Amino acid sequence: MISSVLRANGYNVLEAPDGATALRLFERERERVDLILTDVAMPRMNGRELAERVSELRGACPVVFMSGYMEDPFVESVVNGNACFLRKPFTAQSLVDVIRRNLERGRAVGKRPPEPT
């Protein structure tokens, strides 16, 4: 559902079934990746570990965390901190709004230059 919504709104999407596969995909495609959307709880590598490893590989890359487990200590720290968080369940419009806002914010602080038009 998430990939379909994002594609329908003009985004290119790379998908991975777990954190370890996502990291390998990022290693191959890092120059094409403008934002990471990750669940907090995933098999083989959780969202926090994925975000930390991505940061080690390329530095600043906007990350949006999502979860339905509000009792998780990491989720609480994300919600109370400055990281971007999307609480499940969410609407298609809220997903698109969060992605757009974080891509714009990433570009505004120089994390990735805008694509030429």
Protein backbone atom coordinates (compact mmCIF):
# COMPACT_ATOMS: atom_id res chain seq x y z
CA MET A 1 0.00 0.00 0.00
CA ILE A 2 2.75 2.47 0.92
CA SER A 3 4.71 1.89 -2.28
CA SER A 4 1.56 2.16 -4.40
CA VAL A 5 0.57 5.46 -2.80
CA LEU A 6 4.03 6.93 -3.22
CA ARG A 7 4.34 5.79 -6.83
CA ALA A 8 0.90 7.20 -7.63
CA ASN A 9 2.17 10.52 -6.32
CA GLY A 10 5.22 10.52 -8.57
CA TYR A 11 7.90 9.09 -6.30
CA ASN A 12 10.38 6.41 -7.31
CA VAL A 13 10.34 3.70 -4.66
CA LEU A 14 12.91 1.05 -3.75
CA GLU A 15 11.50 -1.68 -1.50
CA ALA A 16 13.11 -4.10 0.92
CA PRO A 17 11.48 -6.80 3.07
CA ASP A 18 13.76 -6.21 6.08
CA GLY A 19 16.41 -3.87 7.45
CA ALA A 20 19.45 -5.87 6.32
CA THR A 21 18.18 -6.05 2.74
CA ALA A 22 17.35 -2.33 2.85
CA LEU A 23 20.93 -1.57 3.89
CA ARG A 24 22.35 -3.64 1.02
CA LEU A 25 20.00 -1.89 -1.39
CA PHE A 26 21.08 1.49 -0.01
CA GLU A 27 24.75 0.56 -0.42
CA ARG A 28 24.13 -0.11 -4.14
CA GLU A 29 21.75 2.79 -4.80
CA ARG A 30 22.85 5.45 -2.27
CA GLU A 31 23.13 8.23 -4.85
CA ARG A 32 19.53 7.64 -5.97
CA VAL A 33 18.07 7.64 -2.45
CA ASP A 34 16.68 10.97 -1.20
CA LEU A 35 14.85 9.67 1.87
CA ILE A 36 14.51 6.52 3.98
CA LEU A 37 11.04 5.47 5.15
CA THR A 38 11.46 2.68 7.65
CA ASP A 39 9.40 0.80 10.15
CA VAL A 40 10.86 0.79 13.64
CA ALA A 41 10.33 -2.95 14.11
CA MET A 42 11.74 -5.07 11.27
CA PRO A 43 13.40 -8.46 11.05
CA ARG A 44 17.20 -8.80 10.81
CA MET A 45 17.84 -5.09 11.52
CA ASN A 46 15.49 -2.58 13.12
CA GLY A 47 14.77 0.91 11.84
CA ARG A 48 17.10 2.67 14.26
CA GLU A 49 20.03 0.42 13.28
CA LEU A 50 19.23 0.99 9.60
CA ALA A 51 19.18 4.78 10.07
CA GLU A 52 22.50 4.68 11.95
CA ARG A 53 24.18 2.56 9.26
CA VAL A 54 22.82 4.76 6.45
CA SER A 55 24.22 7.80 8.25
CA GLU A 56 27.64 6.12 8.49
CA LEU A 57 27.60 5.36 4.76
CA ARG A 58 26.47 8.70 3.40
CA GLY A 59 26.01 11.20 6.17
CA ALA A 60 22.80 13.18 6.20
CA CYS A 61 19.82 11.46 4.63
CA PRO A 62 16.30 12.27 5.79
CA VAL A 63 14.72 9.37 7.67
CA VAL A 64 11.04 8.94 8.47
CA PHE A 65 10.24 6.29 11.06
CA MET A 66 6.85 4.61 11.27
CA SER A 67 5.36 2.28 13.84
CA GLY A 68 2.19 1.16 15.51
CA TYR A 69 4.04 0.17 18.70
CA MET A 70 3.82 3.34 20.71
CA GLU A 71 5.05 1.61 23.90
CA ASP A 72 8.49 0.87 22.39
CA PRO A 73 11.19 2.96 24.16
CA PHE A 74 12.78 3.88 20.82
CA VAL A 75 9.42 5.01 19.43
CA GLU A 76 8.94 7.16 22.52
CA SER A 77 12.37 8.74 22.00
CA VAL A 78 11.59 9.42 18.32
CA VAL A 79 8.20 10.96 19.13
CA ASN A 80 9.72 13.11 21.89
CA GLY A 81 12.85 13.98 19.91
CA ASN A 82 13.47 15.73 16.63
CA ALA A 83 13.22 12.70 14.35
CA CYS A 84 10.26 12.42 12.01
CA PHE A 85 7.66 9.85 12.99
CA LEU A 86 4.52 8.57 11.30
CA ARG A 87 2.12 6.70 13.57
CA LYS A 88 0.32 3.66 12.15
CA PRO A 89 -2.33 3.49 10.95
CA PHE A 90 -2.04 6.57 8.75
CA THR A 91 -3.85 7.87 5.70
CA ALA A 92 -2.43 8.02 2.21
CA GLN A 93 -2.54 11.83 2.37
CA SER A 94 -0.63 12.00 5.66
CA LEU A 95 2.02 9.68 4.21
CA VAL A 96 2.47 11.83 1.11
CA ASP A 97 2.53 15.02 3.22
CA VAL A 98 5.25 13.67 5.54
CA ILE A 99 7.40 12.44 2.65
CA ARG A 100 7.08 15.73 0.73
CA ARG A 101 7.80 17.83 3.83
CA ASN A 102 10.90 15.80 4.73
CA LEU A 103 12.25 15.83 1.19
CA GLU A 104 11.84 19.61 1.08
CA ARG A 105 13.46 19.98 4.49
CA GLY A 106 16.39 17.80 3.42
CA ARG A 107 16.95 19.91 0.34
CA ALA A 108 16.54 23.17 2.25
CA VAL A 109 19.45 22.33 4.55
CA GLY A 110 21.64 21.15 1.70
CA LYS A 111 21.45 17.42 2.25
CA ARG A 112 20.70 16.71 -1.41
CA PRO A 113 20.49 19.24 -4.22
CA PRO A 114 17.20 19.48 -6.10
CA GLU A 115 17.03 17.62 -9.38
CA PRO A 116 17.42 19.93 -12.40
CA THR A 117 14.18 20.61 -14.26
